[in-house]
Amino acid sequence: MIVLADYLMVSAALLVIGATGLFLHRKNLIILLMCLELILLAVNTNFIAFSRFLDNALGEVFVFFVLTVAASEAAIGLAIVVLVFRTRKTIDVEALNSLKG
């Protein structure tokens, strides 16, 4: 039987992989978006695990909201990356310093 600690270890591993990717690969926007998706997946795993083991459906409701935000973030983020690539011919974060406010 799978216990709560197993889910939490998988979630912690996803969070560490996502956070490590954010800190190590700061040059590529697509990798940054994928690392954010991994972090959101870790949060969803925690919500589902605690919802299952506490017999409360509230965590599963939050997962739907987080999935909605993640899907919109991925779609809008990818559209912005495509538009920036069309105008700048690069998705290197260091080369995009003219986007500063």
PDB file of N, CA and C in Angstrom:
ATOM      1  N   MET A   1       0.831  -1.178   0.000  1.00  0.00           N
ATOM      2  CA  MET A   1       0.000   0.000   0.000  1.00  0.00           C
ATOM      3  C   MET A   1       0.880   1.247   0.000  1.00  0.00           C
ATOM      4  N   ILE A   2       0.437   2.245  -0.723  1.00  0.00           N
ATOM      5  CA  ILE A   2       1.183   3.496  -0.804  1.00  0.00           C
ATOM      6  C   ILE A   2       0.750   4.404   0.342  1.00  0.00           C
ATOM      7  N   VAL A   3       1.732   4.899   1.064  1.00  0.00           N
ATOM      8  CA  VAL A   3       1.441   5.758   2.210  1.00  0.00           C
ATOM      9  C   VAL A   3       1.646   7.218   1.815  1.00  0.00           C
ATOM     10  N   LEU A   4       1.262   8.113   2.714  1.00  0.00           N
ATOM     11  CA  LEU A   4       1.347   9.541   2.441  1.00  0.00           C
ATOM     12  C   LEU A   4       2.786   9.992   2.209  1.00  0.00           C
ATOM     13  N   ALA A   5       3.714   9.408   2.905  1.00  0.00           N
ATOM     14  CA  ALA A   5       5.124   9.801   2.759  1.00  0.00           C
ATOM     15  C   ALA A   5       5.643   9.535   1.347  1.00  0.00           C
ATOM     16  N   ASP A   6       5.136   8.503   0.695  1.00  0.00           N
ATOM     17  CA  ASP A   6       5.552   8.226  -0.685  1.00  0.00           C
ATOM     18  C   ASP A   6       5.130   9.345  -1.628  1.00  0.00           C
ATOM     19  N   TYR A   7       3.895   9.793  -1.485  1.00  0.00           N
ATOM     20  CA  TYR A   7       3.416  10.907  -2.311  1.00  0.00           C
ATOM     21  C   TYR A   7       4.213  12.177  -2.035  1.00  0.00           C
ATOM     22  N   LEU A   8       4.502  12.421  -0.765  1.00  0.00           N
ATOM     23  CA  LEU A   8       5.235  13.626  -0.406  1.00  0.00           C
ATOM     24  C   LEU A   8       6.671  13.582  -0.908  1.00  0.00           C
ATOM     25  N   MET A   9       7.263  12.400  -0.956  1.00  0.00           N
ATOM     26  CA  MET A   9       8.626  12.285  -1.491  1.00  0.00           C
ATOM     27  C   MET A   9       8.646  12.536  -2.994  1.00  0.00           C
ATOM     28  N   VAL A  10       7.664  12.029  -3.708  1.00  0.00           N
ATOM     29  CA  VAL A  10       7.570  12.298  -5.150  1.00  0.00           C
ATOM     30  C   VAL A  10       7.351  13.784  -5.386  1.00  0.00           C
ATOM     31  N   SER A  11       6.488  14.383  -4.592  1.00  0.00           N
ATOM     32  CA  SER A  11       6.226  15.809  -4.727  1.00  0.00           C
ATOM     33  C   SER A  11       7.469  16.639  -4.416  1.00  0.00           C
ATOM     34  N   ALA A  12       8.211  16.244  -3.391  1.00  0.00           N
ATOM     35  CA  ALA A  12       9.445  16.959  -3.052  1.00  0.00           C
ATOM     36  C   ALA A  12      10.477  16.820  -4.165  1.00  0.00           C
ATOM     37  N   ALA A  13      10.547  15.647  -4.772  1.00  0.00           N
ATOM     38  CA  ALA A  13      11.485  15.453  -5.876  1.00  0.00           C
ATOM     39  C   ALA A  13      11.110  16.332  -7.069  1.00  0.00           C
ATOM     40  N   LEU A  14       9.822  16.421  -7.382  1.00  0.00           N
ATOM     41  CA  LEU A  14       9.370  17.296  -8.471  1.00  0.00           C
ATOM     42  C   LEU A  14       9.674  18.760  -8.167  1.00  0.00           C
ATOM     43  N   LEU A  15       9.470  19.155  -6.929  1.00  0.00           N
ATOM     44  CA  LEU A  15       9.751  20.530  -6.535  1.00  0.00           C
ATOM     45  C   LEU A  15      11.237  20.845  -6.637  1.00  0.00           C
ATOM     46  N   VAL A  16      12.080  19.927  -6.208  1.00  0.00           N
ATOM     47  CA  VAL A  16      13.525  20.143  -6.273  1.00  0.00           C
ATOM     48  C   VAL A  16      13.997  20.207  -7.725  1.00  0.00           C
ATOM     49  N   ILE A  17      13.474  19.333  -8.568  1.00  0.00           N
ATOM     50  CA  ILE A  17      13.851  19.356  -9.987  1.00  0.00           C
ATOM     51  C   ILE A  17      13.416  20.670 -10.627  1.00  0.00           C
ATOM     52  N   GLY A  18      12.206  21.123 -10.334  1.00  0.00           N
ATOM     53  CA  GLY A  18      11.719  22.382 -10.887  1.00  0.00           C
ATOM     54  C   GLY A  18      12.508  23.583 -10.396  1.00  0.00           C
ATOM     55  N   ALA A  19      12.786  23.632  -9.103  1.00  0.00           N
ATOM     56  CA  ALA A  19      13.537  24.760  -8.545  1.00  0.00           C
ATOM     57  C   ALA A  19      14.982  24.760  -9.047  1.00  0.00           C
ATOM     58  N   THR A  20      15.569  23.584  -9.155  1.00  0.00           N
ATOM     59  CA  THR A  20      16.929  23.494  -9.692  1.00  0.00           C
ATOM     60  C   THR A  20      16.963  23.961 -11.134  1.00  0.00           C
ATOM     61  N   GLY A  21      15.977  23.588 -11.912  1.00  0.00           N
ATOM     62  CA  GLY A  21      15.910  24.040 -13.296  1.00  0.00           C
ATOM     63  C   GLY A  21      15.746  25.539 -13.402  1.00  0.00           C
ATOM     64  N   LEU A  22      14.974  26.135 -12.477  1.00  0.00           N
ATOM     65  CA  LEU A  22      14.813  27.591 -12.492  1.00  0.00           C
ATOM     66  C   LEU A  22      16.132  28.301 -12.209  1.00  0.00           C
ATOM     67  N   PHE A  23      16.914  27.758 -11.284  1.00  0.00           N
ATOM     68  CA  PHE A  23      18.159  28.424 -10.914  1.00  0.00           C
ATOM     69  C   PHE A  23      19.305  28.141 -11.874  1.00  0.00           C
ATOM     70  N   LEU A  24      19.334  26.961 -12.480  1.00  0.00           N
ATOM     71  CA  LEU A  24      20.461  26.599 -13.342  1.00  0.00           C
ATOM     72  C   LEU A  24      20.271  27.013 -14.794  1.00  0.00           C
ATOM     73  N   HIS A  25      19.057  27.012 -15.292  1.00  0.00           N
ATOM     74  CA  HIS A  25      18.808  27.283 -16.710  1.00  0.00           C
ATOM     75  C   HIS A  25      18.060  28.591 -16.873  1.00  0.00           C
ATOM     76  N   ARG A  26      18.689  29.672 -16.508  1.00  0.00           N
ATOM     77  CA  ARG A  26      18.031  30.975 -16.594  1.00  0.00           C
ATOM     78  C   ARG A  26      18.106  31.583 -17.981  1.00  0.00           C
ATOM     79  N   LYS A  27      18.700  30.906 -18.950  1.00  0.00           N
ATOM     80  CA  LYS A  27      18.873  31.507 -20.263  1.00  0.00           C
ATOM     81  C   LYS A  27      17.756  31.171 -21.237  1.00  0.00           C
ATOM     82  N   ASN A  28      17.083  30.068 -21.061  1.00  0.00           N
ATOM     83  CA  ASN A  28      16.089  29.619 -22.027  1.00  0.00           C
ATOM     84  C   ASN A  28      14.695  29.777 -21.436  1.00  0.00           C
ATOM     85  N   LEU A  29      13.859  30.550 -22.120  1.00  0.00           N
ATOM     86  CA  LEU A  29      12.512  30.803 -21.602  1.00  0.00           C
ATOM     87  C   LEU A  29      11.636  29.557 -21.588  1.00  0.00           C
ATOM     88  N   ILE A  30      11.805  28.691 -22.552  1.00  0.00           N
ATOM     89  CA  ILE A  30      10.975  27.481 -22.604  1.00  0.00           C
ATOM     90  C   ILE A  30      11.299  26.553 -21.436  1.00  0.00           C
ATOM     91  N   ILE A  31      12.574  26.428 -21.110  1.00  0.00           N
ATOM     92  CA  ILE A  31      12.953  25.602 -19.961  1.00  0.00           C
ATOM     93  C   ILE A  31      12.421  26.216 -18.666  1.00  0.00           C
ATOM     94  N   LEU A  32      12.433  27.543 -18.558  1.00  0.00           N
ATOM     95  CA  LEU A  32      11.877  28.194 -17.379  1.00  0.00           C
ATOM     96  C   LEU A  32      10.385  27.897 -17.233  1.00  0.00           C
ATOM     97  N   LEU A  33       9.653  27.937 -18.334  1.00  0.00           N
ATOM     98  CA  LEU A  33       8.221  27.619 -18.278  1.00  0.00           C
ATOM     99  C   LEU A  33       7.992  26.156 -17.894  1.00  0.00           C
ATOM    100  N   MET A  34       8.824  25.267 -18.402  1.00  0.00           N
ATOM    101  CA  MET A  34       8.678  23.849 -18.050  1.00  0.00           C
ATOM    102  C   MET A  34       8.987  23.616 -16.575  1.00  0.00           C
ATOM    103  N   CYS A  35       9.944  24.344 -16.029  1.00  0.00           N
ATOM    104  CA  CYS A  35      10.264  24.206 -14.604  1.00  0.00           C
ATOM    105  C   CYS A  35       9.126  24.734 -13.736  1.00  0.00           C
ATOM    106  N   LEU A  36       8.479  25.807 -14.173  1.00  0.00           N
ATOM    107  CA  LEU A  36       7.311  26.291 -13.438  1.00  0.00           C
ATOM    108  C   LEU A  36       6.180  25.268 -13.462  1.00  0.00           C
ATOM    109  N   GLU A  37       6.020  24.592 -14.581  1.00  0.00           N
ATOM    110  CA  GLU A  37       5.001  23.536 -14.664  1.00  0.00           C
ATOM    111  C   GLU A  37       5.318  22.384 -13.709  1.00  0.00           C
ATOM    112  N   LEU A  38       6.598  22.045 -13.575  1.00  0.00           N
ATOM    113  CA  LEU A  38       6.972  20.988 -12.621  1.00  0.00           C
ATOM    114  C   LEU A  38       6.661  21.399 -11.187  1.00  0.00           C
ATOM    115  N   ILE A  39       6.892  22.650 -10.860  1.00  0.00           N
ATOM    116  CA  ILE A  39       6.591  23.122  -9.511  1.00  0.00           C
ATOM    117  C   ILE A  39       5.081  23.080  -9.259  1.00  0.00           C
ATOM    118  N   LEU A  40       4.297  23.484 -10.240  1.00  0.00           N
ATOM    119  CA  LEU A  40       2.842  23.396 -10.082  1.00  0.00           C
ATOM    120  C   LEU A  40       2.366  21.949  -9.989  1.00  0.00           C
ATOM    121  N   LEU A  41       3.035  21.049 -10.679  1.00  0.00           N
ATOM    122  CA  LEU A  41       2.700  19.627 -10.573  1.00  0.00           C
ATOM    123  C   LEU A  41       3.011  19.094  -9.179  1.00  0.00           C
ATOM    124  N   ALA A  42       4.088  19.573  -8.568  1.00  0.00           N
ATOM    125  CA  ALA A  42       4.407  19.174  -7.196  1.00  0.00           C
ATOM    126  C   ALA A  42       3.331  19.648  -6.226  1.00  0.00           C
ATOM    127  N   VAL A  43       2.850  20.863  -6.433  1.00  0.00           N
ATOM    128  CA  VAL A  43       1.771  21.383  -5.581  1.00  0.00           C
ATOM    129  C   VAL A  43       0.505  20.544  -5.752  1.00  0.00           C
ATOM    130  N   ASN A  44       0.180  20.203  -6.999  1.00  0.00           N
ATOM    131  CA  ASN A  44      -1.001  19.376  -7.251  1.00  0.00           C
ATOM    132  C   ASN A  44      -0.874  18.002  -6.612  1.00  0.00           C
ATOM    133  N   THR A  45       0.312  17.434  -6.650  1.00  0.00           N
ATOM    134  CA  THR A  45       0.530  16.126  -6.023  1.00  0.00           C
ATOM    135  C   THR A  45       0.284  16.208  -4.520  1.00  0.00           C
ATOM    136  N   ASN A  46       0.733  17.283  -3.891  1.00  0.00           N
ATOM    137  CA  ASN A  46       0.462  17.461  -2.463  1.00  0.00           C
ATOM    138  C   ASN A  46      -1.030  17.601  -2.189  1.00  0.00           C
ATOM    139  N   PHE A  47      -1.711  18.399  -2.994  1.00  0.00           N
ATOM    140  CA  PHE A  47      -3.155  18.563  -2.803  1.00  0.00           C
ATOM    141  C   PHE A  47      -3.886  17.230  -2.912  1.00  0.00           C
ATOM    142  N   ILE A  48      -3.563  16.448  -3.923  1.00  0.00           N
ATOM    143  CA  ILE A  48      -4.236  15.158  -4.114  1.00  0.00           C
ATOM    144  C   ILE A  48      -3.904  14.193  -2.985  1.00  0.00           C
ATOM    145  N   ALA A  49      -2.639  14.167  -2.574  1.00  0.00           N
ATOM    146  CA  ALA A  49      -2.239  13.241  -1.504  1.00  0.00           C
ATOM    147  C   ALA A  49      -2.966  13.558  -0.196  1.00  0.00           C
ATOM    148  N   PHE A  50      -2.972  14.821   0.178  1.00  0.00           N
ATOM    149  CA  PHE A  50      -3.644  15.174   1.432  1.00  0.00           C
ATOM    150  C   PHE A  50      -5.155  15.035   1.312  1.00  0.00           C
ATOM    151  N   SER A  51      -5.690  15.289   0.143  1.00  0.00           N
ATOM    152  CA  SER A  51      -7.130  15.112  -0.054  1.00  0.00           C
ATOM    153  C   SER A  51      -7.519  13.651   0.097  1.00  0.00           C
ATOM    154  N   ARG A  52      -6.699  12.772  -0.433  1.00  0.00           N
ATOM    155  CA  ARG A  52      -7.001  11.333  -0.362  1.00  0.00           C
ATOM    156  C   ARG A  52      -6.876  10.809   1.062  1.00  0.00           C
ATOM    157  N   PHE A  53      -5.818  11.224   1.750  1.00  0.00           N
ATOM    158  CA  PHE A  53      -5.582  10.662   3.078  1.00  0.00           C
ATOM    159  C   PHE A  53      -6.399  11.330   4.172  1.00  0.00           C
ATOM    160  N   LEU A  54      -6.960  12.500   3.909  1.00  0.00           N
ATOM    161  CA  LEU A  54      -7.839  13.135   4.888  1.00  0.00           C
ATOM    162  C   LEU A  54      -9.312  12.932   4.556  1.00  0.00           C
ATOM    163  N   ASP A  55      -9.595  12.235   3.455  1.00  0.00           N
ATOM    164  CA  ASP A  55     -10.966  11.992   2.995  1.00  0.00           C
ATOM    165  C   ASP A  55     -11.759  13.286   2.854  1.00  0.00           C
ATOM    166  N   ASN A  56     -11.123  14.261   2.214  1.00  0.00           N
ATOM    167  CA  ASN A  56     -11.737  15.558   1.997  1.00  0.00           C
ATOM    168  C   ASN A  56     -11.535  15.925   0.534  1.00  0.00           C
ATOM    169  N   ALA A  57     -12.592  16.304  -0.137  1.00  0.00           N
ATOM    170  CA  ALA A  57     -12.522  16.596  -1.566  1.00  0.00           C
ATOM    171  C   ALA A  57     -12.066  18.020  -1.864  1.00  0.00           C
ATOM    172  N   LEU A  58     -11.771  18.799  -0.843  1.00  0.00           N
ATOM    173  CA  LEU A  58     -11.380  20.185  -1.054  1.00  0.00           C
ATOM    174  C   LEU A  58     -10.049  20.292  -1.801  1.00  0.00           C
ATOM    175  N   GLY A  59      -9.118  19.392  -1.532  1.00  0.00           N
ATOM    176  CA  GLY A  59      -7.838  19.404  -2.237  1.00  0.00           C
ATOM    177  C   GLY A  59      -7.993  19.154  -3.724  1.00  0.00           C
ATOM    178  N   GLU A  60      -8.916  18.285  -4.071  1.00  0.00           N
ATOM    179  CA  GLU A  60      -9.152  17.997  -5.483  1.00  0.00           C
ATOM    180  C   GLU A  60      -9.788  19.191  -6.195  1.00  0.00           C
ATOM    181  N   VAL A  61     -10.580  19.961  -5.479  1.00  0.00           N
ATOM    182  CA  VAL A  61     -11.162  21.172  -6.056  1.00  0.00           C
ATOM    183  C   VAL A  61     -10.051  22.187  -6.332  1.00  0.00           C
ATOM    184  N   PHE A  62      -9.109  22.331  -5.408  1.00  0.00           N
ATOM    185  CA  PHE A  62      -7.991  23.236  -5.615  1.00  0.00           C
ATOM    186  C   PHE A  62      -7.126  22.803  -6.795  1.00  0.00           C
ATOM    187  N   VAL A  63      -7.019  21.500  -7.017  1.00  0.00           N
ATOM    188  CA  VAL A  63      -6.234  21.006  -8.149  1.00  0.00           C
ATOM    189  C   VAL A  63      -6.816  21.500  -9.467  1.00  0.00           C
ATOM    190  N   PHE A  64      -8.134  21.521  -9.577  1.00  0.00           N
ATOM    191  CA  PHE A  64      -8.746  22.022 -10.805  1.00  0.00           C
ATOM    192  C   PHE A  64      -8.420  23.496 -11.030  1.00  0.00           C
ATOM    193  N   PHE A  65      -8.405  24.284  -9.952  1.00  0.00           N
ATOM    194  CA  PHE A  65      -8.038  25.692 -10.094  1.00  0.00           C
ATOM    195  C   PHE A  65      -6.571  25.848 -10.484  1.00  0.00           C
ATOM    196  N   VAL A  66      -5.700  25.072  -9.875  1.00  0.00           N
ATOM    197  CA  VAL A  66      -4.273  25.156 -10.200  1.00  0.00           C
ATOM    198  C   VAL A  66      -4.031  24.689 -11.633  1.00  0.00           C
ATOM    199  N   LEU A  67      -4.723  23.652 -12.067  1.00  0.00           N
ATOM    200  CA  LEU A  67      -4.586  23.198 -13.455  1.00  0.00           C
ATOM    201  C   LEU A  67      -5.072  24.251 -14.440  1.00  0.00           C
ATOM    202  N   THR A  68      -6.117  24.965 -14.087  1.00  0.00           N
ATOM    203  CA  THR A  68      -6.600  26.039 -14.951  1.00  0.00           C
ATOM    204  C   THR A  68      -5.568  27.144 -15.077  1.00  0.00           C
ATOM    205  N   VAL A  69      -4.981  27.534 -13.968  1.00  0.00           N
ATOM    206  CA  VAL A  69      -3.942  28.562 -13.987  1.00  0.00           C
ATOM    207  C   VAL A  69      -2.718  28.072 -14.754  1.00  0.00           C
ATOM    208  N   ALA A  70      -2.343  26.816 -14.552  1.00  0.00           N
ATOM    209  CA  ALA A  70      -1.171  26.273 -15.250  1.00  0.00           C
ATOM    210  C   ALA A  70      -1.395  26.200 -16.752  1.00  0.00           C
ATOM    211  N   ALA A  71      -2.587  25.826 -17.165  1.00  0.00           N
ATOM    212  CA  ALA A  71      -2.863  25.747 -18.602  1.00  0.00           C
ATOM    213  C   ALA A  71      -2.851  27.133 -19.235  1.00  0.00           C
ATOM    214  N   SER A  72      -3.436  28.092 -18.565  1.00  0.00           N
ATOM    215  CA  SER A  72      -3.428  29.448 -19.122  1.00  0.00           C
ATOM    216  C   SER A  72      -2.023  30.035 -19.109  1.00  0.00           C
ATOM    217  N   GLU A  73      -1.266  29.751 -18.086  1.00  0.00           N
ATOM    218  CA  GLU A  73       0.124  30.218 -18.022  1.00  0.00           C
ATOM    219  C   GLU A  73       0.949  29.613 -19.139  1.00  0.00           C
ATOM    220  N   ALA A  74       0.751  28.351 -19.418  1.00  0.00           N
ATOM    221  CA  ALA A  74       1.505  27.700 -20.487  1.00  0.00           C
ATOM    222  C   ALA A  74       1.113  28.247 -21.847  1.00  0.00           C
ATOM    223  N   ALA A  75      -0.165  28.443 -22.083  1.00  0.00           N
ATOM    224  CA  ALA A  75      -0.614  28.941 -23.385  1.00  0.00           C
ATOM    225  C   ALA A  75      -0.177  30.380 -23.617  1.00  0.00           C
ATOM    226  N   ILE A  76      -0.378  31.233 -22.636  1.00  0.00           N
ATOM    227  CA  ILE A  76      -0.001  32.638 -22.791  1.00  0.00           C
ATOM    228  C   ILE A  76       1.516  32.787 -22.796  1.00  0.00           C
ATOM    229  N   GLY A  77       2.193  32.047 -21.945  1.00  0.00           N
ATOM    230  CA  GLY A  77       3.662  32.105 -21.917  1.00  0.00           C
ATOM    231  C   GLY A  77       4.275  31.643 -23.217  1.00  0.00           C
ATOM    232  N   LEU A  78       3.766  30.569 -23.772  1.00  0.00           N
ATOM    233  CA  LEU A  78       4.294  30.080 -25.042  1.00  0.00           C
ATOM    234  C   LEU A  78       3.990  31.056 -26.174  1.00  0.00           C
ATOM    235  N   ALA A  79       2.832  31.685 -26.150  1.00  0.00           N
ATOM    236  CA  ALA A  79       2.512  32.685 -27.173  1.00  0.00           C
ATOM    237  C   ALA A  79       3.453  33.883 -27.077  1.00  0.00           C
ATOM    238  N   ILE A  80       3.767  34.310 -25.865  1.00  0.00           N
ATOM    239  CA  ILE A  80       4.707  35.418 -25.687  1.00  0.00           C
ATOM    240  C   ILE A  80       6.095  35.024 -26.168  1.00  0.00           C
ATOM    241  N   VAL A  81       6.521  33.800 -25.863  1.00  0.00           N
ATOM    242  CA  VAL A  81       7.835  33.335 -26.309  1.00  0.00           C
ATOM    243  C   VAL A  81       7.902  33.296 -27.833  1.00  0.00           C
ATOM    244  N   VAL A  82       6.847  32.840 -28.480  1.00  0.00           N
ATOM    245  CA  VAL A  82       6.830  32.792 -29.950  1.00  0.00           C
ATOM    246  C   VAL A  82       6.902  34.201 -30.524  1.00  0.00           C
ATOM    247  N   LEU A  83       6.151  35.138 -29.956  1.00  0.00           N
ATOM    248  CA  LEU A  83       6.191  36.516 -30.449  1.00  0.00           C
ATOM    249  C   LEU A  83       7.555  37.163 -30.231  1.00  0.00           C
ATOM    250  N   VAL A  84       8.169  36.900 -29.082  1.00  0.00           N
ATOM    251  CA  VAL A  84       9.508  37.442 -28.828  1.00  0.00           C
ATOM    252  C   VAL A  84      10.513  36.818 -29.780  1.00  0.00           C
ATOM    253  N   PHE A  85      10.384  35.535 -30.053  1.00  0.00           N
ATOM    254  CA  PHE A  85      11.306  34.885 -30.981  1.00  0.00           C
ATOM    255  C   PHE A  85      11.157  35.435 -32.400  1.00  0.00           C
ATOM    256  N   ARG A  86       9.934  35.741 -32.791  1.00  0.00           N
ATOM    257  CA  ARG A  86       9.725  36.299 -34.132  1.00  0.00           C
ATOM    258  C   ARG A  86      10.374  37.668 -34.282  1.00  0.00           C
ATOM    259  N   THR A  87      10.341  38.481 -33.239  1.00  0.00           N
ATOM    260  CA  THR A  87      10.896  39.823 -33.346  1.00  0.00           C
ATOM    261  C   THR A  87      12.392  39.876 -33.042  1.00  0.00           C
ATOM    262  N   ARG A  88      12.865  39.095 -32.078  1.00  0.00           N
ATOM    263  CA  ARG A  88      14.267  39.167 -31.642  1.00  0.00           C
ATOM    264  C   ARG A  88      15.146  38.063 -32.212  1.00  0.00           C
ATOM    265  N   LYS A  89      14.548  37.009 -32.763  1.00  0.00           N
ATOM    266  CA  LYS A  89      15.264  35.845 -33.300  1.00  0.00           C
ATOM    267  C   LYS A  89      16.060  35.095 -32.234  1.00  0.00           C
ATOM    268  N   THR A  90      15.683  35.236 -30.989  1.00  0.00           N
ATOM    269  CA  THR A  90      16.308  34.498 -29.901  1.00  0.00           C
ATOM    270  C   THR A  90      15.333  34.414 -28.729  1.00  0.00           C
ATOM    271  N   ILE A  91      15.510  33.373 -27.914  1.00  0.00           N
ATOM    272  CA  ILE A  91      14.749  33.272 -26.670  1.00  0.00           C
ATOM    273  C   ILE A  91      15.692  33.272 -25.480  1.00  0.00           C
ATOM    274  N   ASP A  92      16.916  33.732 -25.716  1.00  0.00           N
ATOM    275  CA  ASP A  92      17.900  33.855 -24.652  1.00  0.00           C
ATOM    276  C   ASP A  92      17.490  34.992 -23.727  1.00  0.00           C
ATOM    277  N   VAL A  93      17.386  34.708 -22.450  1.00  0.00           N
ATOM    278  CA  VAL A  93      16.907  35.693 -21.483  1.00  0.00           C
ATOM    279  C   VAL A  93      17.883  36.853 -21.381  1.00  0.00           C
ATOM    280  N   GLU A  94      19.175  36.597 -21.480  1.00  0.00           N
ATOM    281  CA  GLU A  94      20.173  37.661 -21.386  1.00  0.00           C
ATOM    282  C   GLU A  94      20.074  38.635 -22.550  1.00  0.00           C
ATOM    283  N   ALA A  95      19.660  38.164 -23.721  1.00  0.00           N
ATOM    284  CA  ALA A  95      19.557  39.024 -24.905  1.00  0.00           C
ATOM    285  C   ALA A  95      18.270  39.857 -24.899  1.00  0.00           C
ATOM    286  N   LEU A  96      17.386  39.595 -23.979  1.00  0.00           N
ATOM    287  CA  LEU A  96      16.104  40.289 -23.925  1.00  0.00           C
ATOM    288  C   LEU A  96      16.110  41.426 -22.916  1.00  0.00           C
ATOM    289  N   ASN A  97      17.242  42.084 -22.715  1.00  0.00           N
ATOM    290  CA  ASN A  97      17.327  43.127 -21.705  1.00  0.00           C
ATOM    291  C   ASN A  97      16.563  44.388 -22.102  1.00  0.00           C
ATOM    292  N   SER A  98      16.165  44.528 -23.351  1.00  0.00           N
ATOM    293  CA  SER A  98      15.397  45.708 -23.744  1.00  0.00           C
ATOM    294  C   SER A  98      13.944  45.637 -23.286  1.00  0.00           C
ATOM    295  N   LEU A  99      13.519  44.516 -22.718  1.00  0.00           N
ATOM    296  CA  LEU A  99      12.151  44.390 -22.219  1.00  0.00           C
ATOM    297  C   LEU A  99      12.000  44.927 -20.805  1.00  0.00           C
ATOM    298  N   LYS A 100      13.097  45.415 -20.213  1.00  0.00           N
ATOM    299  CA  LYS A 100      13.018  45.956 -18.858  1.00  0.00           C
ATOM    300  C   LYS A 100      12.190  47.221 -18.839  1.00  0.00           C
ATOM    301  N   GLY A 101      11.432  47.436 -17.747  1.00  0.00           N
ATOM    302  CA  GLY A 101      10.557  48.588 -17.645  1.00  0.00           C
ATOM    303  C   GLY A 101      11.200  49.808 -17.075  1.00  0.00           C
TER     304      GLY A 101
END
